[in-house]
């Protein structure tokens, strides 16, 4: 009998990146059109897949709203967030990862860099 850890069950319950990425990419295009204007739809979907995969598989962000918000930040308004080693290490070393990621996102939103085009 196969026994899964709670972390493995959480990851398995997430939407598949390949089917979820086009929907999330369309949402990012609507909300942050000028931030992603340099990417065509295919490039944006690939970037969403990479970001979503890194966040879920490497950082173990499994709370879907946090995962979506992280991906939007990484792809649009805080590009390259997944490449920030300090942030990466902090989230990897924190349990639960979801709270650490949400804490970082909240702090970034409160800062001067955060914006939403539709507000």
Protein backbone atom coordinates (compact mmCIF):
# COMPACT_ATOMS: atom_id res chain seq x y z
CA UNK A 1 0.00 0.00 0.00
CA UNK A 2 1.25 3.45 -0.93
CA UNK A 3 1.47 5.93 1.93
CA UNK A 4 1.82 9.61 1.18
CA UNK A 5 3.00 12.33 3.52
CA UNK A 6 0.73 15.32 4.16
CA UNK A 7 3.05 17.45 1.98
CA UNK A 8 2.74 14.98 -0.89
CA UNK A 9 -1.04 14.95 -0.58
CA UNK A 10 -1.15 18.76 -0.67
CA UNK A 11 0.99 18.89 -3.81
CA UNK A 12 -1.13 16.22 -5.50
CA UNK A 13 -4.31 18.18 -4.75
CA UNK A 14 -3.08 21.23 -6.69
CA UNK A 15 -4.24 21.83 -10.27
CA UNK A 16 -1.89 20.48 -12.93
CA UNK A 17 0.43 23.25 -14.14
CA UNK A 18 -0.09 22.47 -17.83
CA UNK A 19 -3.87 22.79 -17.67
CA UNK A 20 -3.93 25.59 -15.09
CA UNK A 21 -1.22 27.79 -16.67
CA UNK A 22 -3.25 29.04 -19.67
CA UNK A 23 -6.07 30.20 -17.39
CA UNK A 24 -3.67 31.87 -14.97
CA UNK A 25 -1.71 33.44 -17.85
CA UNK A 26 -4.94 34.95 -19.23
CA UNK A 27 -5.74 36.37 -15.80
CA UNK A 28 -2.23 37.84 -15.51
CA UNK A 29 -2.57 39.34 -19.00
CA UNK A 30 -5.84 41.04 -17.94
CA UNK A 31 -4.58 42.30 -14.59
CA UNK A 32 -1.00 43.26 -15.51
CA UNK A 33 -1.11 43.87 -19.25
CA UNK A 34 1.69 46.42 -19.41
CA UNK A 35 3.98 44.34 -17.17
CA UNK A 36 3.74 41.34 -19.51
CA UNK A 37 3.36 43.22 -22.80
CA UNK A 38 6.80 42.02 -23.93
CA UNK A 39 5.67 38.36 -23.86
CA UNK A 40 3.42 36.69 -26.40
CA UNK A 41 0.80 34.27 -25.10
CA UNK A 42 3.00 31.19 -25.52
CA UNK A 43 5.91 32.78 -23.68
CA UNK A 44 3.62 33.95 -20.90
CA UNK A 45 2.14 30.48 -20.45
CA UNK A 46 5.64 28.93 -20.30
CA UNK A 47 6.71 31.51 -17.73
CA UNK A 48 3.60 30.81 -15.65
CA UNK A 49 4.32 27.05 -15.81
CA UNK A 50 7.93 27.59 -14.66
CA UNK A 51 6.91 29.91 -11.84
CA UNK A 52 4.02 27.71 -10.70
CA UNK A 53 6.25 24.62 -10.81
CA UNK A 54 9.03 26.28 -8.83
CA UNK A 55 6.63 27.60 -6.21
CA UNK A 56 4.77 24.32 -5.74
CA UNK A 57 7.57 21.79 -6.17
CA UNK A 58 10.64 23.61 -4.88
CA UNK A 59 9.18 26.02 -2.34
CA UNK A 60 6.29 23.71 -1.36
CA UNK A 61 3.68 26.45 -1.58
CA UNK A 62 0.49 24.40 -1.60
CA UNK A 63 -2.21 26.87 -0.57
CA UNK A 64 -3.76 27.65 -3.95
CA UNK A 65 -4.55 31.37 -3.36
CA UNK A 66 -0.97 31.93 -2.15
CA UNK A 67 0.41 29.93 -5.07
CA UNK A 68 -1.61 31.99 -7.56
CA UNK A 69 -0.56 35.24 -5.94
CA UNK A 70 3.10 34.13 -5.88
CA UNK A 71 2.97 33.22 -9.57
CA UNK A 72 1.38 36.55 -10.48
CA UNK A 73 4.10 38.39 -8.58
CA UNK A 74 6.92 36.33 -10.06
CA UNK A 75 5.66 36.66 -13.62
CA UNK A 76 4.30 40.21 -13.60
CA UNK A 77 4.76 42.78 -10.86
CA UNK A 78 7.87 41.41 -9.11
CA UNK A 79 9.51 39.64 -12.03
CA UNK A 80 12.14 37.11 -11.17
CA UNK A 81 11.02 36.67 -7.58
CA UNK A 82 11.91 32.98 -7.76
CA UNK A 83 15.53 33.92 -8.51
CA UNK A 84 15.98 35.87 -5.27
CA UNK A 85 18.16 33.48 -3.28
CA UNK A 86 17.46 35.03 0.14
CA UNK A 87 13.71 34.77 -0.33
CA UNK A 88 14.06 31.26 -1.74
CA UNK A 89 16.12 30.05 1.21
CA UNK A 90 13.83 31.69 3.75
CA UNK A 91 10.74 30.00 2.34
CA UNK A 92 12.47 26.62 1.99
CA UNK A 93 13.58 26.80 5.62
CA UNK A 94 10.19 27.84 6.96
CA UNK A 95 7.32 25.61 7.93
CA UNK A 96 4.70 26.07 6.81
CA UNK A 97 6.00 27.44 3.51
CA UNK A 98 2.59 28.89 2.69
CA UNK A 99 2.76 31.34 5.57
CA UNK A 100 6.31 32.40 4.78
CA UNK A 101 5.38 33.04 1.14
CA UNK A 102 2.26 34.98 2.12
CA UNK A 103 4.31 37.03 4.57
CA UNK A 104 6.77 37.98 1.83
CA UNK A 105 3.98 38.84 -0.60
CA UNK A 106 2.19 40.96 1.99
CA UNK A 107 5.35 42.88 2.71
CA UNK A 108 5.99 43.45 -0.96
CA UNK A 109 2.43 44.65 -1.54
CA UNK A 110 2.81 47.13 1.29
CA UNK A 111 5.99 48.47 -0.32
CA UNK A 112 6.33 50.97 -3.11
CA UNK A 113 6.92 48.37 -5.85
CA UNK A 114 3.45 46.83 -5.73
CA UNK A 115 0.75 48.05 -8.04
CA UNK A 116 -2.29 46.80 -9.82
CA UNK A 117 -3.17 48.21 -13.18
CA UNK A 118 -6.89 47.72 -12.70
CA UNK A 119 -7.13 49.89 -9.58
